[in-house]
Amino acid sequence: MSTQKKFTLEEALARIEALEEKVQELKPRDRGPRSTRAMTEEDAARVKFGDLAGAGHKEAAKELGLSYGQVYSCRGGYTFTHVVKDK
């Protein structure tokens, strides 16, 4: 015997409608600007050590036409690990 509760069609439709209302209320997270291009080594140096090193991820991304994720990944050492500060 199944332990799942069986729903009538009307009950199922009512639950679907309630879920649809909840989905409509959800707001997407603001993840910053979308990328318009690929990140370069020059960009990586700017966000890690240069003029944009002190800027927030979103601010640096917007300035360079990159995404928040590109800047975050670079600063976190996930990408452009070969770009190091000149001594």
PDB file of N, CA and C in Angstrom:
ATOM      1  N   MET A   1       0.832  -1.179   0.000  1.00  0.00           N
ATOM      2  CA  MET A   1       0.000   0.000   0.000  1.00  0.00           C
ATOM      3  C   MET A   1       0.877   1.243   0.000  1.00  0.00           C
ATOM      4  N   SER A   2       0.557   2.229  -0.798  1.00  0.00           N
ATOM      5  CA  SER A   2       1.325   3.459  -0.922  1.00  0.00           C
ATOM      6  C   SER A   2       1.083   4.363   0.279  1.00  0.00           C
ATOM      7  N   THR A   3       2.169   5.029   0.736  1.00  0.00           N
ATOM      8  CA  THR A   3       2.047   5.946   1.865  1.00  0.00           C
ATOM      9  C   THR A   3       1.768   7.374   1.408  1.00  0.00           C
ATOM     10  N   GLN A   4       1.773   7.603   0.101  1.00  0.00           N
ATOM     11  CA  GLN A   4       1.491   8.935  -0.410  1.00  0.00           C
ATOM     12  C   GLN A   4      -0.007   9.205  -0.378  1.00  0.00           C
ATOM     13  N   LYS A   5      -0.344  10.432   0.029  1.00  0.00           N
ATOM     14  CA  LYS A   5      -1.742  10.827   0.059  1.00  0.00           C
ATOM     15  C   LYS A   5      -2.210  11.059  -1.368  1.00  0.00           C
ATOM     16  N   LYS A   6      -3.391  10.612  -1.658  1.00  0.00           N
ATOM     17  CA  LYS A   6      -3.954  10.820  -2.984  1.00  0.00           C
ATOM     18  C   LYS A   6      -4.785  12.087  -2.963  1.00  0.00           C
ATOM     19  N   PHE A   7      -4.647  12.888  -3.994  1.00  0.00           N
ATOM     20  CA  PHE A   7      -5.358  14.153  -4.110  1.00  0.00           C
ATOM     21  C   PHE A   7      -6.404  14.051  -5.202  1.00  0.00           C
ATOM     22  N   THR A   8      -7.475  14.755  -4.982  1.00  0.00           N
ATOM     23  CA  THR A   8      -8.454  14.864  -6.063  1.00  0.00           C
ATOM     24  C   THR A   8      -7.893  15.867  -7.058  1.00  0.00           C
ATOM     25  N   LEU A   9      -8.475  15.889  -8.225  1.00  0.00           N
ATOM     26  CA  LEU A   9      -8.043  16.831  -9.250  1.00  0.00           C
ATOM     27  C   LEU A   9      -8.200  18.270  -8.751  1.00  0.00           C
ATOM     28  N   GLU A  10      -9.279  18.545  -8.078  1.00  0.00           N
ATOM     29  CA  GLU A  10      -9.522  19.894  -7.565  1.00  0.00           C
ATOM     30  C   GLU A  10      -8.468  20.296  -6.524  1.00  0.00           C
ATOM     31  N   GLU A  11      -8.126  19.349  -5.638  1.00  0.00           N
ATOM     32  CA  GLU A  11      -7.101  19.627  -4.624  1.00  0.00           C
ATOM     33  C   GLU A  11      -5.742  19.877  -5.282  1.00  0.00           C
ATOM     34  N   ALA A  12      -5.432  19.072  -6.255  1.00  0.00           N
ATOM     35  CA  ALA A  12      -4.156  19.234  -6.957  1.00  0.00           C
ATOM     36  C   ALA A  12      -4.100  20.585  -7.670  1.00  0.00           C
ATOM     37  N   LEU A  13      -5.174  20.971  -8.328  1.00  0.00           N
ATOM     38  CA  LEU A  13      -5.206  22.258  -9.024  1.00  0.00           C
ATOM     39  C   LEU A  13      -5.086  23.419  -8.041  1.00  0.00           C
ATOM     40  N   ALA A  14      -5.730  23.304  -6.888  1.00  0.00           N
ATOM     41  CA  ALA A  14      -5.638  24.353  -5.875  1.00  0.00           C
ATOM     42  C   ALA A  14      -4.200  24.487  -5.361  1.00  0.00           C
ATOM     43  N   ARG A  15      -3.520  23.370  -5.156  1.00  0.00           N
ATOM     44  CA  ARG A  15      -2.130  23.406  -4.698  1.00  0.00           C
ATOM     45  C   ARG A  15      -1.229  24.000  -5.767  1.00  0.00           C
ATOM     46  N   ILE A  16      -1.476  23.661  -7.014  1.00  0.00           N
ATOM     47  CA  ILE A  16      -0.686  24.217  -8.122  1.00  0.00           C
ATOM     48  C   ILE A  16      -0.877  25.722  -8.195  1.00  0.00           C
ATOM     49  N   GLU A  17      -2.098  26.182  -8.076  1.00  0.00           N
ATOM     50  CA  GLU A  17      -2.376  27.624  -8.107  1.00  0.00           C
ATOM     51  C   GLU A  17      -1.677  28.338  -6.955  1.00  0.00           C
ATOM     52  N   ALA A  18      -1.684  27.739  -5.764  1.00  0.00           N
ATOM     53  CA  ALA A  18      -1.018  28.350  -4.612  1.00  0.00           C
ATOM     54  C   ALA A  18       0.487  28.452  -4.854  1.00  0.00           C
ATOM     55  N   LEU A  19       1.057  27.418  -5.432  1.00  0.00           N
ATOM     56  CA  LEU A  19       2.485  27.439  -5.745  1.00  0.00           C
ATOM     57  C   LEU A  19       2.802  28.474  -6.822  1.00  0.00           C
ATOM     58  N   GLU A  20       1.942  28.598  -7.816  1.00  0.00           N
ATOM     59  CA  GLU A  20       2.145  29.599  -8.858  1.00  0.00           C
ATOM     60  C   GLU A  20       2.144  31.005  -8.267  1.00  0.00           C
ATOM     61  N   GLU A  21       1.270  31.258  -7.306  1.00  0.00           N
ATOM     62  CA  GLU A  21       1.231  32.564  -6.648  1.00  0.00           C
ATOM     63  C   GLU A  21       2.526  32.834  -5.895  1.00  0.00           C
ATOM     64  N   LYS A  22       3.034  31.820  -5.213  1.00  0.00           N
ATOM     65  CA  LYS A  22       4.291  31.981  -4.485  1.00  0.00           C
ATOM     66  C   LYS A  22       5.445  32.269  -5.451  1.00  0.00           C
ATOM     67  N   VAL A  23       5.473  31.595  -6.569  1.00  0.00           N
ATOM     68  CA  VAL A  23       6.531  31.808  -7.566  1.00  0.00           C
ATOM     69  C   VAL A  23       6.465  33.229  -8.107  1.00  0.00           C
ATOM     70  N   GLN A  24       5.276  33.734  -8.341  1.00  0.00           N
ATOM     71  CA  GLN A  24       5.117  35.096  -8.853  1.00  0.00           C
ATOM     72  C   GLN A  24       5.626  36.138  -7.857  1.00  0.00           C
ATOM     73  N   GLU A  25       5.582  35.825  -6.572  1.00  0.00           N
ATOM     74  CA  GLU A  25       6.035  36.752  -5.538  1.00  0.00           C
ATOM     75  C   GLU A  25       7.546  36.779  -5.393  1.00  0.00           C
ATOM     76  N   LEU A  26       8.212  35.751  -5.899  1.00  0.00           N
ATOM     77  CA  LEU A  26       9.667  35.681  -5.780  1.00  0.00           C
ATOM     78  C   LEU A  26      10.313  36.754  -6.634  1.00  0.00           C
ATOM     79  N   LYS A  27      11.354  37.361  -6.096  1.00  0.00           N
ATOM     80  CA  LYS A  27      12.091  38.375  -6.842  1.00  0.00           C
ATOM     81  C   LYS A  27      13.482  37.826  -7.113  1.00  0.00           C
ATOM     82  N   PRO A  28      13.977  38.008  -8.319  1.00  0.00           N
ATOM     83  CA  PRO A  28      15.333  37.524  -8.607  1.00  0.00           C
ATOM     84  C   PRO A  28      16.379  38.317  -7.831  1.00  0.00           C
ATOM     85  N   ARG A  29      17.453  37.663  -7.487  1.00  0.00           N
ATOM     86  CA  ARG A  29      18.538  38.337  -6.787  1.00  0.00           C
ATOM     87  C   ARG A  29      19.289  39.229  -7.755  1.00  0.00           C
ATOM     88  N   ASP A  30      19.729  40.361  -7.264  1.00  0.00           N
ATOM     89  CA  ASP A  30      20.525  41.265  -8.079  1.00  0.00           C
ATOM     90  C   ASP A  30      21.974  40.802  -8.010  1.00  0.00           C
ATOM     91  N   ARG A  31      22.408  40.173  -9.053  1.00  0.00           N
ATOM     92  CA  ARG A  31      23.767  39.653  -9.081  1.00  0.00           C
ATOM     93  C   ARG A  31      24.716  40.579  -9.827  1.00  0.00           C
ATOM     94  N   GLY A  32      24.277  41.789 -10.061  1.00  0.00           N
ATOM     95  CA  GLY A  32      25.154  42.751 -10.704  1.00  0.00           C
ATOM     96  C   GLY A  32      25.064  42.700 -12.215  1.00  0.00           C
ATOM     97  N   PRO A  33      25.984  43.382 -12.856  1.00  0.00           N
ATOM     98  CA  PRO A  33      25.934  43.477 -14.311  1.00  0.00           C
ATOM     99  C   PRO A  33      26.225  42.151 -14.997  1.00  0.00           C
ATOM    100  N   ARG A  34      25.733  42.045 -16.209  1.00  0.00           N
ATOM    101  CA  ARG A  34      26.035  40.871 -17.035  1.00  0.00           C
ATOM    102  C   ARG A  34      27.314  41.144 -17.805  1.00  0.00           C
ATOM    103  N   SER A  35      28.021  40.104 -18.094  1.00  0.00           N
ATOM    104  CA  SER A  35      29.270  40.236 -18.827  1.00  0.00           C
ATOM    105  C   SER A  35      29.009  40.585 -20.287  1.00  0.00           C
ATOM    106  N   THR A  36      29.822  41.480 -20.796  1.00  0.00           N
ATOM    107  CA  THR A  36      29.729  41.818 -22.219  1.00  0.00           C
ATOM    108  C   THR A  36      30.916  41.253 -22.990  1.00  0.00           C
ATOM    109  N   ARG A  37      31.880  40.650 -22.236  1.00  0.00           N
ATOM    110  CA  ARG A  37      33.076  40.116 -22.881  1.00  0.00           C
ATOM    111  C   ARG A  37      33.826  39.198 -21.923  1.00  0.00           C
ATOM    112  N   ALA A  38      34.875  38.579 -22.442  1.00  0.00           N
ATOM    113  CA  ALA A  38      35.718  37.717 -21.611  1.00  0.00           C
ATOM    114  C   ALA A  38      36.721  38.569 -20.839  1.00  0.00           C
ATOM    115  N   MET A  39      37.067  38.111 -19.665  1.00  0.00           N
ATOM    116  CA  MET A  39      38.053  38.812 -18.845  1.00  0.00           C
ATOM    117  C   MET A  39      39.443  38.593 -19.430  1.00  0.00           C
ATOM    118  N   THR A  40      40.264  39.618 -19.378  1.00  0.00           N
ATOM    119  CA  THR A  40      41.644  39.533 -19.873  1.00  0.00           C
ATOM    120  C   THR A  40      42.616  39.539 -18.700  1.00  0.00           C
ATOM    121  N   GLU A  41      43.887  39.266 -18.988  1.00  0.00           N
ATOM    122  CA  GLU A  41      44.904  39.324 -17.946  1.00  0.00           C
ATOM    123  C   GLU A  41      45.032  40.744 -17.395  1.00  0.00           C
ATOM    124  N   GLU A  42      44.877  41.734 -18.260  1.00  0.00           N
ATOM    125  CA  GLU A  42      44.934  43.133 -17.811  1.00  0.00           C
ATOM    126  C   GLU A  42      43.799  43.427 -16.830  1.00  0.00           C
ATOM    127  N   ASP A  43      42.596  42.929 -17.146  1.00  0.00           N
ATOM    128  CA  ASP A  43      41.459  43.096 -16.234  1.00  0.00           C
ATOM    129  C   ASP A  43      41.757  42.438 -14.890  1.00  0.00           C
ATOM    130  N   ALA A  44      42.308  41.233 -14.942  1.00  0.00           N
ATOM    131  CA  ALA A  44      42.613  40.495 -13.721  1.00  0.00           C
ATOM    132  C   ALA A  44      43.598  41.267 -12.856  1.00  0.00           C
ATOM    133  N   ALA A  45      44.599  41.846 -13.467  1.00  0.00           N
ATOM    134  CA  ALA A  45      45.579  42.622 -12.712  1.00  0.00           C
ATOM    135  C   ALA A  45      44.929  43.856 -12.095  1.00  0.00           C
ATOM    136  N   ARG A  46      44.036  44.490 -12.821  1.00  0.00           N
ATOM    137  CA  ARG A  46      43.362  45.682 -12.291  1.00  0.00           C
ATOM    138  C   ARG A  46      42.490  45.361 -11.086  1.00  0.00           C
ATOM    139  N   VAL A  47      41.737  44.244 -11.148  1.00  0.00           N
ATOM    140  CA  VAL A  47      40.835  43.926 -10.034  1.00  0.00           C
ATOM    141  C   VAL A  47      41.566  43.302  -8.854  1.00  0.00           C
ATOM    142  N   LYS A  48      42.709  42.667  -9.109  1.00  0.00           N
ATOM    143  CA  LYS A  48      43.462  42.062  -8.013  1.00  0.00           C
ATOM    144  C   LYS A  48      44.389  43.056  -7.322  1.00  0.00           C
ATOM    145  N   PHE A  49      45.104  43.868  -8.124  1.00  0.00           N
ATOM    146  CA  PHE A  49      46.169  44.690  -7.556  1.00  0.00           C
ATOM    147  C   PHE A  49      46.135  46.153  -7.995  1.00  0.00           C
ATOM    148  N   GLY A  50      45.380  46.461  -9.006  1.00  0.00           N
ATOM    149  CA  GLY A  50      45.422  47.790  -9.594  1.00  0.00           C
ATOM    150  C   GLY A  50      44.389  48.755  -9.045  1.00  0.00           C
ATOM    151  N   ASP A  51      43.944  49.639  -9.920  1.00  0.00           N
ATOM    152  CA  ASP A  51      43.042  50.713  -9.533  1.00  0.00           C
ATOM    153  C   ASP A  51      41.675  50.233  -9.065  1.00  0.00           C
ATOM    154  N   LEU A  52      41.311  49.000  -9.383  1.00  0.00           N
ATOM    155  CA  LEU A  52      40.004  48.481  -8.971  1.00  0.00           C
ATOM    156  C   LEU A  52      40.098  47.486  -7.808  1.00  0.00           C
ATOM    157  N   ALA A  53      41.279  47.362  -7.233  1.00  0.00           N
ATOM    158  CA  ALA A  53      41.476  46.393  -6.146  1.00  0.00           C
ATOM    159  C   ALA A  53      40.610  46.718  -4.929  1.00  0.00           C
ATOM    160  N   GLY A  54      40.391  47.984  -4.668  1.00  0.00           N
ATOM    161  CA  GLY A  54      39.596  48.373  -3.503  1.00  0.00           C
ATOM    162  C   GLY A  54      38.113  48.484  -3.771  1.00  0.00           C
ATOM    163  N   ALA A  55      37.731  48.370  -5.027  1.00  0.00           N
ATOM    164  CA  ALA A  55      36.319  48.487  -5.398  1.00  0.00           C
ATOM    165  C   ALA A  55      35.584  47.188  -5.082  1.00  0.00           C
ATOM    166  N   GLY A  56      34.292  47.280  -4.863  1.00  0.00           N
ATOM    167  CA  GLY A  56      33.476  46.082  -4.656  1.00  0.00           C
ATOM    168  C   GLY A  56      33.397  45.270  -5.938  1.00  0.00           C
ATOM    169  N   HIS A  57      33.002  44.025  -5.807  1.00  0.00           N
ATOM    170  CA  HIS A  57      32.905  43.154  -6.974  1.00  0.00           C
ATOM    171  C   HIS A  57      31.981  43.737  -8.042  1.00  0.00           C
ATOM    172  N   LYS A  58      30.786  44.188  -7.609  1.00  0.00           N
ATOM    173  CA  LYS A  58      29.817  44.729  -8.567  1.00  0.00           C
ATOM    174  C   LYS A  58      30.345  45.984  -9.246  1.00  0.00           C
ATOM    175  N   GLU A  59      30.958  46.854  -8.456  1.00  0.00           N
ATOM    176  CA  GLU A  59      31.483  48.111  -8.998  1.00  0.00           C
ATOM    177  C   GLU A  59      32.593  47.842 -10.021  1.00  0.00           C
ATOM    178  N   ALA A  60      33.515  46.962  -9.685  1.00  0.00           N
ATOM    179  CA  ALA A  60      34.606  46.622 -10.601  1.00  0.00           C
ATOM    180  C   ALA A  60      34.060  45.968 -11.866  1.00  0.00           C
ATOM    181  N   ALA A  61      33.094  45.086 -11.698  1.00  0.00           N
ATOM    182  CA  ALA A  61      32.499  44.407 -12.845  1.00  0.00           C
ATOM    183  C   ALA A  61      31.831  45.403 -13.777  1.00  0.00           C
ATOM    184  N   LYS A  62      31.083  46.326 -13.213  1.00  0.00           N
ATOM    185  CA  LYS A  62      30.392  47.327 -14.024  1.00  0.00           C
ATOM    186  C   LYS A  62      31.391  48.201 -14.783  1.00  0.00           C
ATOM    187  N   GLU A  63      32.436  48.605 -14.116  1.00  0.00           N
ATOM    188  CA  GLU A  63      33.472  49.447 -14.728  1.00  0.00           C
ATOM    189  C   GLU A  63      34.115  48.769 -15.943  1.00  0.00           C
ATOM    190  N   LEU A  64      34.312  47.444 -15.839  1.00  0.00           N
ATOM    191  CA  LEU A  64      35.019  46.716 -16.896  1.00  0.00           C
ATOM    192  C   LEU A  64      34.098  46.018 -17.890  1.00  0.00           C
ATOM    193  N   GLY A  65      32.805  46.045 -17.659  1.00  0.00           N
ATOM    194  CA  GLY A  65      31.889  45.337 -18.545  1.00  0.00           C
ATOM    195  C   GLY A  65      31.926  43.831 -18.327  1.00  0.00           C
ATOM    196  N   LEU A  66      32.258  43.440 -17.101  1.00  0.00           N
ATOM    197  CA  LEU A  66      32.340  42.022 -16.743  1.00  0.00           C
ATOM    198  C   LEU A  66      31.212  41.677 -15.790  1.00  0.00           C
ATOM    199  N   SER A  67      31.092  40.407 -15.445  1.00  0.00           N
ATOM    200  CA  SER A  67      30.076  39.991 -14.491  1.00  0.00           C
ATOM    201  C   SER A  67      30.671  39.926 -13.089  1.00  0.00           C
ATOM    202  N   TYR A  68      29.794  39.942 -12.112  1.00  0.00           N
ATOM    203  CA  TYR A  68      30.185  39.789 -10.709  1.00  0.00           C
ATOM    204  C   TYR A  68      30.990  38.503 -10.545  1.00  0.00           C
ATOM    205  N   GLY A  69      30.514  37.430 -11.165  1.00  0.00           N
ATOM    206  CA  GLY A  69      31.167  36.128 -11.042  1.00  0.00           C
ATOM    207  C   GLY A  69      32.581  36.116 -11.584  1.00  0.00           C
ATOM    208  N   GLN A  70      32.813  36.821 -12.680  1.00  0.00           N
ATOM    209  CA  GLN A  70      34.161  36.880 -13.246  1.00  0.00           C
ATOM    210  C   GLN A  70      35.121  37.553 -12.265  1.00  0.00           C
ATOM    211  N   VAL A  71      34.702  38.661 -11.682  1.00  0.00           N
ATOM    212  CA  VAL A  71      35.548  39.381 -10.733  1.00  0.00           C
ATOM    213  C   VAL A  71      35.741  38.544  -9.469  1.00  0.00           C
ATOM    214  N   TYR A  72      34.678  37.957  -8.966  1.00  0.00           N
ATOM    215  CA  TYR A  72      34.742  37.125  -7.765  1.00  0.00           C
ATOM    216  C   TYR A  72      35.705  35.948  -7.973  1.00  0.00           C
ATOM    217  N   SER A  73      35.591  35.288  -9.111  1.00  0.00           N
ATOM    218  CA  SER A  73      36.439  34.125  -9.393  1.00  0.00           C
ATOM    219  C   SER A  73      37.907  34.510  -9.496  1.00  0.00           C
ATOM    220  N   CYS A  74      38.156  35.651 -10.097  1.00  0.00           N
ATOM    221  CA  CYS A  74      39.527  36.131 -10.227  1.00  0.00           C
ATOM    222  C   CYS A  74      40.109  36.462  -8.860  1.00  0.00           C
ATOM    223  N   ARG A  75      39.389  37.226  -8.085  1.00  0.00           N
ATOM    224  CA  ARG A  75      39.878  37.629  -6.764  1.00  0.00           C
ATOM    225  C   ARG A  75      39.988  36.454  -5.807  1.00  0.00           C
ATOM    226  N   GLY A  76      39.130  35.469  -5.982  1.00  0.00           N
ATOM    227  CA  GLY A  76      39.148  34.297  -5.107  1.00  0.00           C
ATOM    228  C   GLY A  76      40.204  33.273  -5.479  1.00  0.00           C
ATOM    229  N   GLY A  77      40.912  33.505  -6.572  1.00  0.00           N
ATOM    230  CA  GLY A  77      41.968  32.589  -6.981  1.00  0.00           C
ATOM    231  C   GLY A  77      41.482  31.383  -7.761  1.00  0.00           C
ATOM    232  N   TYR A  78      40.280  31.458  -8.297  1.00  0.00           N
ATOM    233  CA  TYR A  78      39.744  30.346  -9.078  1.00  0.00           C
ATOM    234  C   TYR A  78      40.130  30.468 -10.547  1.00  0.00           C
ATOM    235  N   THR A  79      40.325  31.686 -11.007  1.00  0.00           N
ATOM    236  CA  THR A  79      40.748  31.936 -12.384  1.00  0.00           C
ATOM    237  C   THR A  79      41.894  32.937 -12.357  1.00  0.00           C
ATOM    238  N   PHE A  80      42.629  32.994 -13.417  1.00  0.00           N
ATOM    239  CA  PHE A  80      43.761  33.924 -13.559  1.00  0.00           C
ATOM    240  C   PHE A  80      44.738  33.819 -12.389  1.00  0.00           C
ATOM    241  N   THR A  81      45.015  32.590 -11.984  1.00  0.00           N
ATOM    242  CA  THR A  81      45.941  32.369 -10.873  1.00  0.00           C
ATOM    243  C   THR A  81      47.369  32.726 -11.273  1.00  0.00           C
ATOM    244  N   HIS A  82      47.634  32.725 -12.557  1.00  0.00           N
ATOM    245  CA  HIS A  82      48.984  33.046 -13.031  1.00  0.00           C
ATOM    246  C   HIS A  82      49.268  34.556 -13.008  1.00  0.00           C
ATOM    247  N   VAL A  83      48.240  35.365 -12.819  1.00  0.00           N
ATOM    248  CA  VAL A  83      48.425  36.819 -12.743  1.00  0.00           C
ATOM    249  C   VAL A  83      48.823  37.159 -11.309  1.00  0.00           C
ATOM    250  N   VAL A  84      50.067  37.559 -11.143  1.00  0.00           N
ATOM    251  CA  VAL A  84      50.581  37.881  -9.811  1.00  0.00           C
ATOM    252  C   VAL A  84      51.109  39.307  -9.801  1.00  0.00           C
ATOM    253  N   LYS A  85      51.186  39.865  -8.617  1.00  0.00           N
ATOM    254  CA  LYS A  85      51.657  41.238  -8.469  1.00  0.00           C
ATOM    255  C   LYS A  85      53.162  41.302  -8.748  1.00  0.00           C
ATOM    256  N   ASP A  86      53.556  42.264  -9.559  1.00  0.00           N
ATOM    257  CA  ASP A  86      54.973  42.462  -9.835  1.00  0.00           C
ATOM    258  C   ASP A  86      55.672  42.949  -8.578  1.00  0.00           C
ATOM    259  N   LYS A  87      56.838  42.419  -8.333  1.00  0.00           N
ATOM    260  CA  LYS A  87      57.588  42.812  -7.133  1.00  0.00           C
ATOM    261  C   LYS A  87      58.423  44.028  -7.407  1.00  0.00           C
TER     262      LYS A  87
END
